[in-house]
C-alpha atoms as a PDB file:
ATOM      1  CA  MET A   1    -110.052 -25.949 -28.714  1.00  0.00           C
ATOM      2  CA  ASN A   2    -109.443 -23.227 -26.829  1.00  0.00           C
ATOM      3  CA  ALA A   3    -107.593 -19.976 -26.959  1.00  0.00           C
ATOM      4  CA  SER A   4    -104.495 -21.356 -25.493  1.00  0.00           C
ATOM      5  CA  SER A   5    -104.287 -24.246 -27.885  1.00  0.00           C
ATOM      6  CA  PHE A   6    -104.711 -21.716 -30.778  1.00  0.00           C
ATOM      7  CA  PHE A   7    -102.103 -19.560 -29.269  1.00  0.00           C
ATOM      8  CA  PHE A   8     -99.287 -22.388 -28.916  1.00  0.00           C
ATOM      9  CA  ILE A   9    -100.181 -23.847 -32.421  1.00  0.00           C
ATOM     10  CA  ALA A  10     -99.542 -20.161 -33.819  1.00  0.00           C
ATOM     11  CA  LEU A  11     -96.331 -19.768 -31.615  1.00  0.00           C
ATOM     12  CA  SER A  12     -95.068 -23.053 -32.722  1.00  0.00           C
ATOM     13  CA  ALA A  13     -95.810 -22.084 -36.497  1.00  0.00           C
ATOM     14  CA  ILE A  14     -93.741 -18.849 -36.140  1.00  0.00           C
ATOM     15  CA  ILE A  15     -90.897 -20.979 -34.401  1.00  0.00           C
ATOM     16  CA  ALA A  16     -91.083 -23.530 -37.105  1.00  0.00           C
ATOM     17  CA  LEU A  17     -90.730 -20.456 -39.710  1.00  0.00           C
ATOM     18  CA  VAL A  18     -88.077 -18.787 -37.952  1.00  0.00           C
ATOM     19  CA  GLY A  19     -86.457 -22.207 -37.975  1.00  0.00           C
ATOM     20  CA  LEU A  20     -86.571 -22.679 -41.845  1.00  0.00           C
ATOM     21  CA  PHE A  21     -85.550 -19.123 -42.670  1.00  0.00           C
ATOM     22  CA  ALA A  22     -82.494 -19.677 -40.096  1.00  0.00           C
ATOM     23  CA  ALA A  23     -81.697 -22.797 -41.946  1.00  0.00           C
ATOM     24  CA  ALA A  24     -81.908 -21.115 -45.480  1.00  0.00           C
ATOM     25  CA  ALA A  25     -79.550 -18.442 -44.286  1.00  0.00           C
ATOM     26  CA  ALA A  26     -77.045 -20.302 -42.361  1.00  0.00           C
ATOM     27  CA  SER A  27     -74.403 -22.693 -43.335  1.00  0.00           C
ATOM     28  CA  GLY A  28     -72.443 -25.500 -41.467  1.00  0.00           C
ATOM     29  CA  TYR A  29     -73.735 -26.465 -38.057  1.00  0.00           C
ATOM     30  CA  LEU A  30     -76.145 -23.490 -37.984  1.00  0.00           C
ATOM     31  CA  GLN A  31     -78.409 -24.868 -40.709  1.00  0.00           C
ATOM     32  CA  PHE A  32     -78.696 -28.031 -38.432  1.00  0.00           C
ATOM     33  CA  PHE A  33     -79.936 -25.760 -35.775  1.00  0.00           C
ATOM     34  CA  GLY A  34     -82.411 -24.191 -38.114  1.00  0.00           C
ATOM     35  CA  PHE A  35     -83.557 -27.684 -38.981  1.00  0.00           C
ATOM     36  CA  GLY A  36     -83.829 -28.566 -35.403  1.00  0.00           C
ATOM     37  CA  LEU A  37     -85.791 -25.627 -34.628  1.00  0.00           C
ATOM     38  CA  MET A  38     -88.269 -26.301 -37.280  1.00  0.00           C
ATOM     39  CA  LEU A  39     -88.652 -29.936 -36.150  1.00  0.00           C
ATOM     40  CA  PHE A  40     -89.321 -28.598 -32.583  1.00  0.00           C
ATOM     41  CA  GLY A  41     -91.812 -26.286 -33.741  1.00  0.00           C
ATOM     42  CA  VAL A  42     -93.760 -29.058 -35.776  1.00  0.00           C
ATOM     43  CA  ALA A  43     -93.864 -31.698 -33.080  1.00  0.00           C
ATOM     44  CA  PHE A  44     -94.894 -28.944 -30.577  1.00  0.00           C
ATOM     45  CA  ALA A  45     -97.994 -28.210 -32.714  1.00  0.00           C
ATOM     46  CA  PHE A  46     -98.660 -31.726 -33.136  1.00  0.00           C
ATOM     47  CA  THR A  47     -98.411 -32.448 -29.477  1.00  0.00           C
ATOM     48  CA  THR A  48    -100.871 -29.527 -28.447  1.00  0.00           C
ATOM     49  CA  VAL A  49    -103.215 -31.201 -31.125  1.00  0.00           C
ATOM     50  CA  LYS A  50    -102.865 -34.501 -29.480  1.00  0.00           C
ATOM     51  CA  ARG A  51    -103.373 -33.100 -25.911  1.00  0.00           C
ATOM     52  CA  HIS A  52    -106.600 -31.440 -26.988  1.00  0.00           C
ATOM     53  CA  TYR A  53    -107.987 -34.747 -28.606  1.00  0.00           C
ATOM     54  CA  ASP A  54    -106.578 -36.750 -25.579  1.00  0.00           C
ATOM     55  CA  ALA A  55    -108.577 -34.202 -23.192  1.00  0.00           C
ATOM     56  CA  ALA A  56    -111.684 -34.450 -25.243  1.00  0.00           C
ATOM     57  CA  HIS A  57    -111.695 -38.284 -25.376  1.00  0.00           C
ATOM     58  CA  SER A  58    -111.256 -38.637 -21.685  1.00  0.00           C
ATOM     59  CA  HIS A  59    -114.423 -36.749 -20.913  1.00  0.00           C
END
């Protein structure tokens, strides 16, 4: 993996953690926003890893 992949995986991990902390601290609809942010961070990290392996497989 190149440096940009590591950067975006680390960024998505930070986004997921912020989402978890937001969901833990909030109540009501903001709690769902925190869970959505966490899901977005996890999905973005998996997509970044998938793009890496798709690019490696195409060569």
